[in-house]
Amino acid sequence: MRVITLCGSTKFKGQFEQANAFLTLQGNIVISVAFFEQSDGFEISEEQAELLGNLHFRKIDISDEIFVIDVDGYIGNSTRREIQYAEEKGKAIRYYSTAMIP
């Protein structure tokens, strides 16, 4: 059993849910985003965005690996920072685009 944090743009809600189910059914503990502000059209302030970013770094800290939701190769700036942070912490990194999720 591994602890895996999902990372990626919140515009990919469906793919987050798909990856969460797939990884959970493999016996992993999956940590996701708090909510999907982009796909749900939820406005957040700059301070809230910073808070959510810092919380996500803490989620990465307690994880064994991150799973990047990179639909059509898209990786935004926040996700790039999360990947870099995970690399610096020695976390394993896997990608949605190569995971062969049914």
N, C-alpha and C. Protein backbone atom coordinates (compact mmCIF):
# COMPACT_ATOMS: atom_id res chain seq x y z
N MET A 1 0.85 -1.18 0.00
CA MET A 1 0.00 0.00 0.00
C MET A 1 0.89 1.24 0.00
N ARG A 2 0.58 2.14 -0.94
CA ARG A 2 1.35 3.38 -1.06
C ARG A 2 0.42 4.57 -0.87
N VAL A 3 0.99 5.68 -0.46
CA VAL A 3 0.25 6.93 -0.36
C VAL A 3 0.62 7.74 -1.60
N ILE A 4 -0.40 8.12 -2.38
CA ILE A 4 -0.19 8.79 -3.65
C ILE A 4 -0.98 10.10 -3.68
N THR A 5 -0.32 11.19 -4.01
CA THR A 5 -1.00 12.48 -4.17
C THR A 5 -1.18 12.75 -5.66
N LEU A 6 -2.41 13.09 -6.02
CA LEU A 6 -2.72 13.47 -7.39
C LEU A 6 -2.37 14.93 -7.59
N CYS A 7 -1.71 15.24 -8.71
CA CYS A 7 -1.34 16.60 -9.06
C CYS A 7 -1.79 16.88 -10.49
N GLY A 8 -2.20 18.11 -10.73
CA GLY A 8 -2.59 18.49 -12.09
C GLY A 8 -3.58 19.62 -12.06
N SER A 9 -3.97 20.05 -13.24
CA SER A 9 -4.92 21.15 -13.37
C SER A 9 -6.31 20.73 -12.90
N THR A 10 -6.96 21.61 -12.16
CA THR A 10 -8.31 21.30 -11.65
C THR A 10 -9.36 21.39 -12.76
N LYS A 11 -8.95 21.67 -13.99
CA LYS A 11 -9.91 21.61 -15.09
C LYS A 11 -10.12 20.16 -15.55
N PHE A 12 -9.31 19.23 -15.05
CA PHE A 12 -9.41 17.82 -15.43
C PHE A 12 -10.12 16.99 -14.35
N LYS A 13 -11.25 17.44 -13.90
CA LYS A 13 -11.99 16.77 -12.82
C LYS A 13 -12.27 15.30 -13.13
N GLY A 14 -12.74 15.03 -14.31
CA GLY A 14 -13.07 13.64 -14.67
C GLY A 14 -11.86 12.73 -14.62
N GLN A 15 -10.73 13.21 -15.08
CA GLN A 15 -9.51 12.40 -15.06
C GLN A 15 -8.98 12.22 -13.64
N PHE A 16 -9.14 13.24 -12.79
CA PHE A 16 -8.78 13.09 -11.38
C PHE A 16 -9.62 11.98 -10.75
N GLU A 17 -10.92 12.00 -10.99
CA GLU A 17 -11.81 10.98 -10.42
C GLU A 17 -11.47 9.59 -10.95
N GLN A 18 -11.17 9.51 -12.24
CA GLN A 18 -10.80 8.23 -12.86
C GLN A 18 -9.50 7.69 -12.24
N ALA A 19 -8.49 8.54 -12.12
CA ALA A 19 -7.22 8.12 -11.54
C ALA A 19 -7.39 7.74 -10.07
N ASN A 20 -8.18 8.50 -9.34
CA ASN A 20 -8.43 8.22 -7.92
C ASN A 20 -9.02 6.82 -7.77
N ALA A 21 -10.04 6.52 -8.55
CA ALA A 21 -10.68 5.20 -8.46
C ALA A 21 -9.70 4.09 -8.85
N PHE A 22 -8.99 4.28 -9.94
CA PHE A 22 -8.04 3.29 -10.43
C PHE A 22 -6.96 2.98 -9.39
N LEU A 23 -6.35 4.02 -8.85
CA LEU A 23 -5.27 3.83 -7.88
C LEU A 23 -5.78 3.28 -6.55
N THR A 24 -6.97 3.72 -6.13
CA THR A 24 -7.55 3.21 -4.90
C THR A 24 -7.86 1.72 -5.01
N LEU A 25 -8.40 1.29 -6.16
CA LEU A 25 -8.72 -0.12 -6.35
C LEU A 25 -7.47 -1.00 -6.47
N GLN A 26 -6.31 -0.38 -6.61
CA GLN A 26 -5.04 -1.11 -6.56
C GLN A 26 -4.53 -1.22 -5.13
N GLY A 27 -5.27 -0.68 -4.17
CA GLY A 27 -4.89 -0.78 -2.76
C GLY A 27 -4.06 0.37 -2.24
N ASN A 28 -4.12 1.52 -2.91
CA ASN A 28 -3.36 2.69 -2.49
C ASN A 28 -4.24 3.67 -1.73
N ILE A 29 -3.61 4.49 -0.91
CA ILE A 29 -4.27 5.62 -0.27
C ILE A 29 -4.04 6.81 -1.18
N VAL A 30 -5.11 7.39 -1.69
CA VAL A 30 -4.99 8.46 -2.68
C VAL A 30 -5.44 9.78 -2.05
N ILE A 31 -4.59 10.80 -2.22
CA ILE A 31 -4.87 12.15 -1.74
C ILE A 31 -5.08 13.02 -2.98
N SER A 32 -6.17 13.75 -2.99
CA SER A 32 -6.48 14.57 -4.16
C SER A 32 -6.53 16.04 -3.79
N VAL A 33 -7.02 16.84 -4.70
CA VAL A 33 -7.19 18.27 -4.46
C VAL A 33 -8.43 18.50 -3.61
N ALA A 34 -8.53 19.68 -3.01
CA ALA A 34 -9.66 19.99 -2.14
C ALA A 34 -10.96 20.11 -2.92
N PHE A 35 -10.89 20.78 -4.07
CA PHE A 35 -12.04 20.93 -4.96
C PHE A 35 -11.53 21.33 -6.34
N PHE A 36 -12.42 21.37 -7.30
CA PHE A 36 -12.04 21.61 -8.69
C PHE A 36 -12.52 22.99 -9.14
N GLU A 37 -11.80 24.01 -8.67
CA GLU A 37 -12.24 25.38 -8.93
C GLU A 37 -12.34 25.71 -10.42
N GLN A 38 -11.46 25.19 -11.24
CA GLN A 38 -11.51 25.51 -12.67
C GLN A 38 -12.67 24.82 -13.36
N SER A 39 -12.83 23.52 -13.16
CA SER A 39 -13.91 22.81 -13.85
C SER A 39 -15.28 23.16 -13.28
N ASP A 40 -15.34 23.52 -12.00
CA ASP A 40 -16.62 23.87 -11.37
C ASP A 40 -16.91 25.36 -11.41
N GLY A 41 -15.97 26.16 -11.92
CA GLY A 41 -16.17 27.60 -12.03
C GLY A 41 -16.21 28.31 -10.69
N PHE A 42 -15.43 27.83 -9.74
CA PHE A 42 -15.40 28.40 -8.39
C PHE A 42 -14.26 29.41 -8.32
N GLU A 43 -14.56 30.64 -7.93
CA GLU A 43 -13.55 31.69 -7.83
C GLU A 43 -12.85 31.62 -6.46
N ILE A 44 -11.52 31.74 -6.49
CA ILE A 44 -10.76 31.81 -5.24
C ILE A 44 -9.85 33.04 -5.30
N SER A 45 -9.53 33.55 -4.13
CA SER A 45 -8.65 34.72 -4.05
C SER A 45 -7.19 34.29 -4.22
N GLU A 46 -6.33 35.26 -4.39
CA GLU A 46 -4.89 35.00 -4.49
C GLU A 46 -4.37 34.35 -3.21
N GLU A 47 -4.86 34.82 -2.06
CA GLU A 47 -4.46 34.24 -0.77
C GLU A 47 -4.92 32.79 -0.65
N GLN A 48 -6.13 32.51 -1.10
CA GLN A 48 -6.64 31.14 -1.05
C GLN A 48 -5.84 30.23 -1.99
N ALA A 49 -5.48 30.76 -3.16
CA ALA A 49 -4.67 29.98 -4.10
C ALA A 49 -3.32 29.63 -3.49
N GLU A 50 -2.72 30.60 -2.79
CA GLU A 50 -1.44 30.34 -2.13
C GLU A 50 -1.60 29.31 -1.02
N LEU A 51 -2.66 29.42 -0.24
CA LEU A 51 -2.93 28.45 0.82
C LEU A 51 -3.09 27.05 0.25
N LEU A 52 -3.88 26.92 -0.80
CA LEU A 52 -4.09 25.60 -1.41
C LEU A 52 -2.79 25.03 -1.96
N GLY A 53 -1.95 25.89 -2.54
CA GLY A 53 -0.65 25.43 -3.04
C GLY A 53 0.23 24.91 -1.93
N ASN A 54 0.27 25.63 -0.82
CA ASN A 54 1.07 25.18 0.33
C ASN A 54 0.54 23.89 0.93
N LEU A 55 -0.79 23.77 1.00
CA LEU A 55 -1.39 22.53 1.49
C LEU A 55 -1.02 21.35 0.60
N HIS A 56 -0.99 21.60 -0.71
CA HIS A 56 -0.66 20.51 -1.63
C HIS A 56 0.79 20.06 -1.46
N PHE A 57 1.69 20.99 -1.17
CA PHE A 57 3.07 20.61 -0.88
C PHE A 57 3.13 19.71 0.35
N ARG A 58 2.34 20.01 1.37
CA ARG A 58 2.31 19.16 2.57
C ARG A 58 1.76 17.77 2.24
N LYS A 59 0.78 17.72 1.35
CA LYS A 59 0.25 16.42 0.90
C LYS A 59 1.36 15.61 0.23
N ILE A 60 2.16 16.28 -0.58
CA ILE A 60 3.29 15.60 -1.24
C ILE A 60 4.28 15.10 -0.19
N ASP A 61 4.52 15.91 0.85
CA ASP A 61 5.44 15.50 1.92
C ASP A 61 5.05 14.16 2.54
N ILE A 62 3.77 13.92 2.74
CA ILE A 62 3.33 12.69 3.41
C ILE A 62 3.07 11.55 2.44
N SER A 63 3.38 11.76 1.16
CA SER A 63 3.13 10.74 0.14
C SER A 63 4.40 9.99 -0.23
N ASP A 64 4.20 8.80 -0.77
CA ASP A 64 5.30 8.03 -1.33
C ASP A 64 5.59 8.47 -2.76
N GLU A 65 4.55 8.93 -3.44
CA GLU A 65 4.71 9.34 -4.83
C GLU A 65 3.62 10.32 -5.22
N ILE A 66 3.83 10.94 -6.39
CA ILE A 66 2.77 11.76 -6.96
C ILE A 66 2.36 11.15 -8.29
N PHE A 67 1.11 11.38 -8.64
CA PHE A 67 0.55 10.92 -9.90
C PHE A 67 0.05 12.16 -10.62
N VAL A 68 0.71 12.50 -11.72
CA VAL A 68 0.43 13.75 -12.43
C VAL A 68 -0.65 13.53 -13.49
N ILE A 69 -1.73 14.29 -13.37
CA ILE A 69 -2.80 14.26 -14.36
C ILE A 69 -2.39 15.21 -15.48
N ASP A 70 -1.82 14.65 -16.54
CA ASP A 70 -1.27 15.43 -17.65
C ASP A 70 -2.03 15.13 -18.95
N VAL A 71 -3.29 15.49 -19.00
CA VAL A 71 -4.14 15.21 -20.14
C VAL A 71 -3.57 15.91 -21.38
N ASP A 72 -3.40 15.13 -22.44
CA ASP A 72 -2.82 15.64 -23.69
C ASP A 72 -1.48 16.35 -23.47
N GLY A 73 -0.73 15.91 -22.45
CA GLY A 73 0.57 16.47 -22.16
C GLY A 73 0.55 17.81 -21.44
N TYR A 74 -0.64 18.27 -21.05
CA TYR A 74 -0.73 19.58 -20.40
C TYR A 74 -0.24 19.53 -18.96
N ILE A 75 0.74 20.37 -18.66
CA ILE A 75 1.24 20.55 -17.30
C ILE A 75 1.39 22.05 -17.09
N GLY A 76 0.58 22.61 -16.20
CA GLY A 76 0.63 24.05 -15.92
C GLY A 76 1.74 24.40 -14.95
N ASN A 77 1.88 25.69 -14.68
CA ASN A 77 2.96 26.18 -13.82
C ASN A 77 2.89 25.62 -12.41
N SER A 78 1.70 25.58 -11.82
CA SER A 78 1.57 25.06 -10.45
C SER A 78 1.98 23.59 -10.40
N THR A 79 1.53 22.84 -11.38
CA THR A 79 1.87 21.41 -11.42
C THR A 79 3.36 21.22 -11.64
N ARG A 80 3.97 22.07 -12.46
CA ARG A 80 5.43 21.99 -12.66
C ARG A 80 6.17 22.19 -11.34
N ARG A 81 5.69 23.16 -10.55
CA ARG A 81 6.31 23.39 -9.23
C ARG A 81 6.13 22.17 -8.32
N GLU A 82 4.97 21.54 -8.38
CA GLU A 82 4.72 20.35 -7.57
C GLU A 82 5.62 19.20 -8.00
N ILE A 83 5.82 19.03 -9.29
CA ILE A 83 6.71 17.99 -9.79
C ILE A 83 8.14 18.26 -9.32
N GLN A 84 8.58 19.50 -9.45
CA GLN A 84 9.93 19.87 -9.00
C GLN A 84 10.08 19.62 -7.50
N TYR A 85 9.06 19.99 -6.72
CA TYR A 85 9.10 19.79 -5.28
C TYR A 85 9.20 18.29 -4.97
N ALA A 86 8.40 17.48 -5.65
CA ALA A 86 8.42 16.03 -5.43
C ALA A 86 9.79 15.46 -5.79
N GLU A 87 10.37 15.93 -6.88
CA GLU A 87 11.71 15.47 -7.27
C GLU A 87 12.73 15.81 -6.18
N GLU A 88 12.67 17.04 -5.67
CA GLU A 88 13.60 17.46 -4.62
C GLU A 88 13.45 16.62 -3.36
N LYS A 89 12.23 16.15 -3.10
CA LYS A 89 11.96 15.33 -1.91
C LYS A 89 12.19 13.84 -2.16
N GLY A 90 12.59 13.49 -3.38
CA GLY A 90 12.87 12.09 -3.70
C GLY A 90 11.63 11.23 -3.87
N LYS A 91 10.52 11.83 -4.21
CA LYS A 91 9.27 11.08 -4.40
C LYS A 91 9.22 10.48 -5.80
N ALA A 92 8.61 9.31 -5.91
CA ALA A 92 8.37 8.71 -7.22
C ALA A 92 7.32 9.56 -7.95
N ILE A 93 7.42 9.59 -9.27
CA ILE A 93 6.49 10.39 -10.07
C ILE A 93 5.98 9.52 -11.22
N ARG A 94 4.65 9.44 -11.34
CA ARG A 94 4.03 8.74 -12.47
C ARG A 94 3.10 9.72 -13.17
N TYR A 95 2.77 9.40 -14.41
CA TYR A 95 1.97 10.29 -15.23
C TYR A 95 0.73 9.58 -15.78
N TYR A 96 -0.37 10.30 -15.74
CA TYR A 96 -1.64 9.82 -16.28
C TYR A 96 -1.49 9.39 -17.74
N SER A 97 -0.76 10.17 -18.52
CA SER A 97 -0.63 9.93 -19.96
C SER A 97 0.04 8.60 -20.29
N THR A 98 0.78 8.03 -19.34
CA THR A 98 1.47 6.76 -19.60
C THR A 98 0.98 5.62 -18.69
N ALA A 99 -0.08 5.87 -17.92
CA ALA A 99 -0.49 4.89 -16.91
C ALA A 99 -1.39 3.78 -17.43
N MET A 100 -1.95 3.95 -18.62
CA MET A 100 -2.85 2.94 -19.18
C MET A 100 -4.04 2.65 -18.27
N ILE A 101 -4.70 3.70 -17.84
CA ILE A 101 -5.89 3.55 -17.00
C ILE A 101 -7.07 3.16 -17.89
N PRO A 102 -7.73 2.08 -17.55
CA PRO A 102 -8.87 1.64 -18.39
C PRO A 102 -10.07 2.58 -18.28
